[in-house]
């Protein structure tokens, strides 16, 4: 299931059964981790975290996407440089925006014009949060898509300490993630970034 070139978000509703199978396998892997009495799991590649993040972002079934969030929060897992609690917070922010004022019992209860696509993330490590940029259908601003902003706290950040969302314009993000690229801050004074091109979009997540 490819995400980068999808023209609609409702197209993922046809994969509900596949999402369910993926969740069952992820839950089995998570249970095996707990049986091994491991408090933290670490992998050198993108694994369970990215799979669950993908499900939470693309599956609009209210039970399954919340199950993905719960598994991320329970796993206490790090895959490469990805920390499980961060995509869980990102998905929760998306759920709140998409389901606002709706009674959602199935994925069909979220119409296309209420669905969001995550197109960018700006990580402010010194202030302990990530700024998320979502867009509505047709998912391109130049075609009339509405942009929506949300903020999530980074793991370990303290509420009220350096988390000045309203003063976001005065900060310099140390990482910028967008569709097809990631940029890492090299020099704060000159605002010089090191740019990495990617084939597809991934969630903005802090290093462990």
C-alpha atoms as a PDB file:
ATOM      1  CA  UNK A   1       0.000   0.000   0.000  1.00  0.00           C
ATOM      2  CA  UNK A   2       1.674   3.164  -1.223  1.00  0.00           C
ATOM      3  CA  UNK A   3       0.915   6.468   0.496  1.00  0.00           C
ATOM      4  CA  UNK A   4       2.898   9.091  -1.361  1.00  0.00           C
ATOM      5  CA  UNK A   5       0.947   9.100  -4.651  1.00  0.00           C
ATOM      6  CA  UNK A   6      -2.564   8.420  -3.326  1.00  0.00           C
ATOM      7  CA  UNK A   7      -5.036  11.030  -4.631  1.00  0.00           C
ATOM      8  CA  UNK A   8      -7.639  10.288  -1.959  1.00  0.00           C
ATOM      9  CA  UNK A   9      -7.641   9.037   1.623  1.00  0.00           C
ATOM     10  CA  UNK A  10     -10.888   7.056   1.336  1.00  0.00           C
ATOM     11  CA  UNK A  11      -9.038   4.650  -0.963  1.00  0.00           C
ATOM     12  CA  UNK A  12      -7.464   3.109   2.147  1.00  0.00           C
ATOM     13  CA  UNK A  13     -10.871   1.985   3.429  1.00  0.00           C
ATOM     14  CA  UNK A  14     -10.671  -0.986   1.080  1.00  0.00           C
ATOM     15  CA  UNK A  15      -7.647  -2.237   3.038  1.00  0.00           C
ATOM     16  CA  UNK A  16      -9.415  -2.501   6.409  1.00  0.00           C
ATOM     17  CA  UNK A  17      -8.942  -6.286   6.507  1.00  0.00           C
ATOM     18  CA  UNK A  18      -5.231  -5.892   5.795  1.00  0.00           C
ATOM     19  CA  UNK A  19      -4.935  -3.289   8.547  1.00  0.00           C
ATOM     20  CA  UNK A  20      -6.590  -5.753  10.938  1.00  0.00           C
ATOM     21  CA  UNK A  21      -4.065  -8.460  10.033  1.00  0.00           C
ATOM     22  CA  UNK A  22      -1.182  -6.036  10.492  1.00  0.00           C
ATOM     23  CA  UNK A  23      -2.487  -5.075  13.942  1.00  0.00           C
ATOM     24  CA  UNK A  24      -2.797  -8.720  14.970  1.00  0.00           C
ATOM     25  CA  UNK A  25       0.820  -9.378  13.980  1.00  0.00           C
ATOM     26  CA  UNK A  26       2.008  -6.220  15.722  1.00  0.00           C
ATOM     27  CA  UNK A  27       0.148  -7.180  18.893  1.00  0.00           C
ATOM     28  CA  UNK A  28       1.720 -10.640  18.789  1.00  0.00           C
ATOM     29  CA  UNK A  29       5.186  -9.106  18.431  1.00  0.00           C
ATOM     30  CA  UNK A  30       4.479  -6.719  21.288  1.00  0.00           C
ATOM     31  CA  UNK A  31       3.299  -9.561  23.541  1.00  0.00           C
ATOM     32  CA  UNK A  32       6.456 -11.532  22.793  1.00  0.00           C
ATOM     33  CA  UNK A  33       8.491  -8.517  23.834  1.00  0.00           C
ATOM     34  CA  UNK A  34       6.689  -8.330  27.192  1.00  0.00           C
ATOM     35  CA  UNK A  35       7.071 -12.067  27.758  1.00  0.00           C
ATOM     36  CA  UNK A  36      10.807 -11.614  27.302  1.00  0.00           C
ATOM     37  CA  UNK A  37      10.604  -8.966  30.074  1.00  0.00           C
ATOM     38  CA  UNK A  38      12.231  -6.332  27.953  1.00  0.00           C
ATOM     39  CA  UNK A  39      11.458  -2.791  29.049  1.00  0.00           C
ATOM     40  CA  UNK A  40      12.710  -1.297  25.812  1.00  0.00           C
ATOM     41  CA  UNK A  41      13.164  -2.726  22.353  1.00  0.00           C
ATOM     42  CA  UNK A  42      15.701  -1.320  19.911  1.00  0.00           C
ATOM     43  CA  UNK A  43      16.103  -2.013  16.209  1.00  0.00           C
ATOM     44  CA  UNK A  44      18.494  -0.616  13.632  1.00  0.00           C
ATOM     45  CA  UNK A  45      15.810  -0.347  10.953  1.00  0.00           C
ATOM     46  CA  UNK A  46      12.231   0.937  10.636  1.00  0.00           C
ATOM     47  CA  UNK A  47      10.007  -1.779  12.056  1.00  0.00           C
ATOM     48  CA  UNK A  48       7.014  -2.014  14.370  1.00  0.00           C
ATOM     49  CA  UNK A  49       6.841   1.736  15.031  1.00  0.00           C
ATOM     50  CA  UNK A  50       6.478   2.703  11.373  1.00  0.00           C
ATOM     51  CA  UNK A  51       3.941  -0.069  10.720  1.00  0.00           C
ATOM     52  CA  UNK A  52       1.701   1.039  13.578  1.00  0.00           C
ATOM     53  CA  UNK A  53       2.138   4.703  12.658  1.00  0.00           C
ATOM     54  CA  UNK A  54       1.069   3.915   9.109  1.00  0.00           C
ATOM     55  CA  UNK A  55      -2.052   2.115  10.335  1.00  0.00           C
ATOM     56  CA  UNK A  56      -3.010   4.944  12.676  1.00  0.00           C
ATOM     57  CA  UNK A  57      -2.558   7.533   9.951  1.00  0.00           C
ATOM     58  CA  UNK A  58      -4.331   5.752   7.071  1.00  0.00           C
ATOM     59  CA  UNK A  59      -6.906   3.491   8.726  1.00  0.00           C
ATOM     60  CA  UNK A  60      -9.976   5.500   9.805  1.00  0.00           C
ATOM     61  CA  UNK A  61     -11.698   2.650  11.616  1.00  0.00           C
ATOM     62  CA  UNK A  62     -12.025   4.202  15.113  1.00  0.00           C
ATOM     63  CA  UNK A  63     -11.280   0.989  16.995  1.00  0.00           C
ATOM     64  CA  UNK A  64      -8.313  -0.154  14.928  1.00  0.00           C
ATOM     65  CA  UNK A  65      -6.534   3.206  14.747  1.00  0.00           C
ATOM     66  CA  UNK A  66      -6.854   3.606  18.526  1.00  0.00           C
ATOM     67  CA  UNK A  67      -5.534   0.073  18.933  1.00  0.00           C
ATOM     68  CA  UNK A  68      -2.494   1.160  16.912  1.00  0.00           C
ATOM     69  CA  UNK A  69      -2.027   4.131  19.257  1.00  0.00           C
ATOM     70  CA  UNK A  70      -2.338   1.888  22.319  1.00  0.00           C
ATOM     71  CA  UNK A  71       0.237  -0.557  20.970  1.00  0.00           C
ATOM     72  CA  UNK A  72       2.660   2.280  20.277  1.00  0.00           C
ATOM     73  CA  UNK A  73       2.261   3.598  23.816  1.00  0.00           C
ATOM     74  CA  UNK A  74       2.562   0.123  25.338  1.00  0.00           C
ATOM     75  CA  UNK A  75       5.566  -0.995  23.315  1.00  0.00           C
ATOM     76  CA  UNK A  76       8.031   1.564  24.720  1.00  0.00           C
ATOM     77  CA  UNK A  77       9.935   0.790  21.553  1.00  0.00           C
ATOM     78  CA  UNK A  78      12.692   2.467  19.572  1.00  0.00           C
ATOM     79  CA  UNK A  79      13.144   1.476  15.904  1.00  0.00           C
ATOM     80  CA  UNK A  80      16.291   3.117  14.583  1.00  0.00           C
ATOM     81  CA  UNK A  81      15.768   6.761  15.579  1.00  0.00           C
ATOM     82  CA  UNK A  82      12.016   6.439  15.990  1.00  0.00           C
ATOM     83  CA  UNK A  83      10.420   6.601  19.449  1.00  0.00           C
ATOM     84  CA  UNK A  84       7.014   4.918  19.696  1.00  0.00           C
ATOM     85  CA  UNK A  85       5.323   7.563  21.846  1.00  0.00           C
ATOM     86  CA  UNK A  86       5.876  10.324  19.275  1.00  0.00           C
ATOM     87  CA  UNK A  87       3.877   8.839  16.360  1.00  0.00           C
ATOM     88  CA  UNK A  88       1.217   7.891  18.916  1.00  0.00           C
ATOM     89  CA  UNK A  89       0.870  11.577  19.824  1.00  0.00           C
ATOM     90  CA  UNK A  90       0.818  12.565  16.150  1.00  0.00           C
ATOM     91  CA  UNK A  91      -1.970  10.095  15.382  1.00  0.00           C
ATOM     92  CA  UNK A  92      -3.954  11.285  18.409  1.00  0.00           C
ATOM     93  CA  UNK A  93      -3.723  14.845  17.093  1.00  0.00           C
ATOM     94  CA  UNK A  94      -4.976  13.712  13.689  1.00  0.00           C
ATOM     95  CA  UNK A  95      -7.858  11.746  15.224  1.00  0.00           C
ATOM     96  CA  UNK A  96      -8.929  14.792  17.237  1.00  0.00           C
ATOM     97  CA  UNK A  97      -9.018  16.977  14.122  1.00  0.00           C
ATOM     98  CA  UNK A  98     -10.697  14.447  11.827  1.00  0.00           C
ATOM     99  CA  UNK A  99     -13.367  13.230  14.255  1.00  0.00           C
ATOM    100  CA  UNK A 100     -14.290  16.608  15.753  1.00  0.00           C
ATOM    101  CA  UNK A 101     -18.095  16.948  15.960  1.00  0.00           C
ATOM    102  CA  UNK A 102     -18.575  13.580  14.203  1.00  0.00           C
ATOM    103  CA  UNK A 103     -20.051  10.332  15.521  1.00  0.00           C
ATOM    104  CA  UNK A 104     -17.550   7.807  14.177  1.00  0.00           C
ATOM    105  CA  UNK A 105     -18.460   4.136  14.320  1.00  0.00           C
ATOM    106  CA  UNK A 106     -16.664   3.076  11.132  1.00  0.00           C
ATOM    107  CA  UNK A 107     -14.244   4.519   8.608  1.00  0.00           C
ATOM    108  CA  UNK A 108     -17.171   5.485   6.353  1.00  0.00           C
ATOM    109  CA  UNK A 109     -18.279   8.021   8.977  1.00  0.00           C
ATOM    110  CA  UNK A 110     -15.297  10.240   8.099  1.00  0.00           C
ATOM    111  CA  UNK A 111     -15.960  11.720   4.641  1.00  0.00           C
ATOM    112  CA  UNK A 112     -13.156  12.653   2.270  1.00  0.00           C
ATOM    113  CA  UNK A 113     -13.493  16.356   2.976  1.00  0.00           C
ATOM    114  CA  UNK A 114     -12.867  15.750   6.689  1.00  0.00           C
ATOM    115  CA  UNK A 115      -9.808  13.560   6.238  1.00  0.00           C
ATOM    116  CA  UNK A 116      -6.319  14.936   6.614  1.00  0.00           C
ATOM    117  CA  UNK A 117      -2.947  14.186   5.106  1.00  0.00           C
ATOM    118  CA  UNK A 118       0.176  14.928   7.117  1.00  0.00           C
ATOM    119  CA  UNK A 119       2.488  16.861   4.799  1.00  0.00           C
ATOM    120  CA  UNK A 120       5.145  18.364   7.090  1.00  0.00           C
ATOM    121  CA  UNK A 121       6.563  18.368  10.574  1.00  0.00           C
ATOM    122  CA  UNK A 122       8.854  20.914  12.281  1.00  0.00           C
ATOM    123  CA  UNK A 123      10.709  19.678  15.340  1.00  0.00           C
ATOM    124  CA  UNK A 124      11.731  22.268  17.937  1.00  0.00           C
ATOM    125  CA  UNK A 125      13.884  20.188  20.239  1.00  0.00           C
ATOM    126  CA  UNK A 126      14.884  23.087  22.486  1.00  0.00           C
ATOM    127  CA  UNK A 127      11.238  23.910  23.135  1.00  0.00           C
ATOM    128  CA  UNK A 128      10.098  20.318  23.347  1.00  0.00           C
ATOM    129  CA  UNK A 129       7.492  20.069  20.618  1.00  0.00           C
ATOM    130  CA  UNK A 130       6.732  19.258  16.993  1.00  0.00           C
ATOM    131  CA  UNK A 131       4.594  21.471  14.784  1.00  0.00           C
ATOM    132  CA  UNK A 132       2.465  19.403  12.398  1.00  0.00           C
ATOM    133  CA  UNK A 133       1.024  20.584   9.107  1.00  0.00           C
ATOM    134  CA  UNK A 134      -2.030  18.747   7.739  1.00  0.00           C
ATOM    135  CA  UNK A 135      -4.007  19.491   4.581  1.00  0.00           C
ATOM    136  CA  UNK A 136      -7.569  18.651   3.573  1.00  0.00           C
ATOM    137  CA  UNK A 137      -8.779  17.301   0.222  1.00  0.00           C
ATOM    138  CA  UNK A 138      -7.542  17.692  -2.531  1.00  0.00           C
ATOM    139  CA  UNK A 139      -4.391  17.569  -0.355  1.00  0.00           C
ATOM    140  CA  UNK A 140      -2.528  20.243  -2.270  1.00  0.00           C
ATOM    141  CA  UNK A 141      -2.656  23.870  -1.148  1.00  0.00           C
ATOM    142  CA  UNK A 142      -2.284  25.120  -4.708  1.00  0.00           C
ATOM    143  CA  UNK A 143      -5.504  23.244  -5.573  1.00  0.00           C
ATOM    144  CA  UNK A 144      -7.462  24.795  -2.727  1.00  0.00           C
ATOM    145  CA  UNK A 145      -6.673  22.449   0.162  1.00  0.00           C
ATOM    146  CA  UNK A 146      -7.088  23.936   3.637  1.00  0.00           C
ATOM    147  CA  UNK A 147      -4.044  23.770   5.908  1.00  0.00           C
ATOM    148  CA  UNK A 148      -4.439  22.804   9.558  1.00  0.00           C
ATOM    149  CA  UNK A 149      -1.810  23.045  12.296  1.00  0.00           C
ATOM    150  CA  UNK A 150      -1.359  20.943  15.420  1.00  0.00           C
ATOM    151  CA  UNK A 151       1.353  20.600  18.068  1.00  0.00           C
ATOM    152  CA  UNK A 152       2.575  17.559  19.984  1.00  0.00           C
ATOM    153  CA  UNK A 153       5.073  17.399  22.824  1.00  0.00           C
ATOM    154  CA  UNK A 154       8.348  15.563  22.453  1.00  0.00           C
ATOM    155  CA  UNK A 155       9.031  12.700  24.899  1.00  0.00           C
ATOM    156  CA  UNK A 156      10.344  13.998  28.212  1.00  0.00           C
ATOM    157  CA  UNK A 157       9.268  17.597  27.677  1.00  0.00           C
ATOM    158  CA  UNK A 158       7.588  19.401  30.564  1.00  0.00           C
ATOM    159  CA  UNK A 159       4.250  21.114  30.118  1.00  0.00           C
ATOM    160  CA  UNK A 160       4.716  24.853  30.224  1.00  0.00           C
ATOM    161  CA  UNK A 161       8.503  24.698  29.975  1.00  0.00           C
ATOM    162  CA  UNK A 162       9.819  25.837  26.594  1.00  0.00           C
ATOM    163  CA  UNK A 163       6.554  24.760  24.955  1.00  0.00           C
ATOM    164  CA  UNK A 164       5.510  28.219  23.745  1.00  0.00           C
ATOM    165  CA  UNK A 165       3.340  27.268  20.784  1.00  0.00           C
ATOM    166  CA  UNK A 166       2.069  30.809  20.317  1.00  0.00           C
ATOM    167  CA  UNK A 167       5.651  32.041  19.816  1.00  0.00           C
ATOM    168  CA  UNK A 168       6.456  29.481  17.143  1.00  0.00           C
ATOM    169  CA  UNK A 169       7.499  32.070  14.564  1.00  0.00           C
ATOM    170  CA  UNK A 170      10.532  33.106  16.618  1.00  0.00           C
ATOM    171  CA  UNK A 171      12.055  29.629  16.818  1.00  0.00           C
ATOM    172  CA  UNK A 172      14.322  27.695  14.488  1.00  0.00           C
ATOM    173  CA  UNK A 173      13.314  24.048  13.881  1.00  0.00           C
ATOM    174  CA  UNK A 174      16.195  21.618  14.248  1.00  0.00           C
ATOM    175  CA  UNK A 175      14.498  19.103  11.929  1.00  0.00           C
ATOM    176  CA  UNK A 176      12.038  19.635   9.082  1.00  0.00           C
ATOM    177  CA  UNK A 177      10.286  16.651   7.521  1.00  0.00           C
ATOM    178  CA  UNK A 178       8.180  16.942   4.386  1.00  0.00           C
ATOM    179  CA  UNK A 179       7.003  14.909   1.436  1.00  0.00           C
ATOM    180  CA  UNK A 180      10.147  13.579  -0.130  1.00  0.00           C
ATOM    181  CA  UNK A 181      12.772  15.223   2.091  1.00  0.00           C
ATOM    182  CA  UNK A 182      14.176  15.686   5.581  1.00  0.00           C
ATOM    183  CA  UNK A 183      16.304  18.682   6.584  1.00  0.00           C
ATOM    184  CA  UNK A 184      18.579  18.740   9.632  1.00  0.00           C
ATOM    185  CA  UNK A 185      19.803  21.995  11.155  1.00  0.00           C
ATOM    186  CA  UNK A 186      23.581  22.341  10.840  1.00  0.00           C
ATOM    187  CA  UNK A 187      24.107  25.928  11.966  1.00  0.00           C
ATOM    188  CA  UNK A 188      21.483  27.796  14.003  1.00  0.00           C
ATOM    189  CA  UNK A 189      22.934  31.264  13.431  1.00  0.00           C
ATOM    190  CA  UNK A 190      22.923  31.031   9.652  1.00  0.00           C
ATOM    191  CA  UNK A 191      19.904  28.666   9.597  1.00  0.00           C
ATOM    192  CA  UNK A 192      21.812  26.297   7.333  1.00  0.00           C
ATOM    193  CA  UNK A 193      20.297  22.844   6.877  1.00  0.00           C
ATOM    194  CA  UNK A 194      21.568  19.521   5.604  1.00  0.00           C
ATOM    195  CA  UNK A 195      18.971  18.137   3.190  1.00  0.00           C
ATOM    196  CA  UNK A 196      18.214  14.464   2.558  1.00  0.00           C
ATOM    197  CA  UNK A 197      15.926  13.411  -0.276  1.00  0.00           C
ATOM    198  CA  UNK A 198      13.583  10.474   0.352  1.00  0.00           C
ATOM    199  CA  UNK A 199      11.272   8.366  -1.811  1.00  0.00           C
ATOM    200  CA  UNK A 200       8.261   8.738   0.478  1.00  0.00           C
ATOM    201  CA  UNK A 201       7.060  10.687   3.466  1.00  0.00           C
ATOM    202  CA  UNK A 202       7.739   9.490   7.010  1.00  0.00           C
ATOM    203  CA  UNK A 203       6.583  10.813  10.376  1.00  0.00           C
ATOM    204  CA  UNK A 204       8.772  13.417  12.058  1.00  0.00           C
ATOM    205  CA  UNK A 205      10.218  11.674  15.102  1.00  0.00           C
ATOM    206  CA  UNK A 206      13.087  12.631  17.409  1.00  0.00           C
ATOM    207  CA  UNK A 207      16.272  10.687  17.852  1.00  0.00           C
ATOM    208  CA  UNK A 208      16.527   8.541  20.960  1.00  0.00           C
END
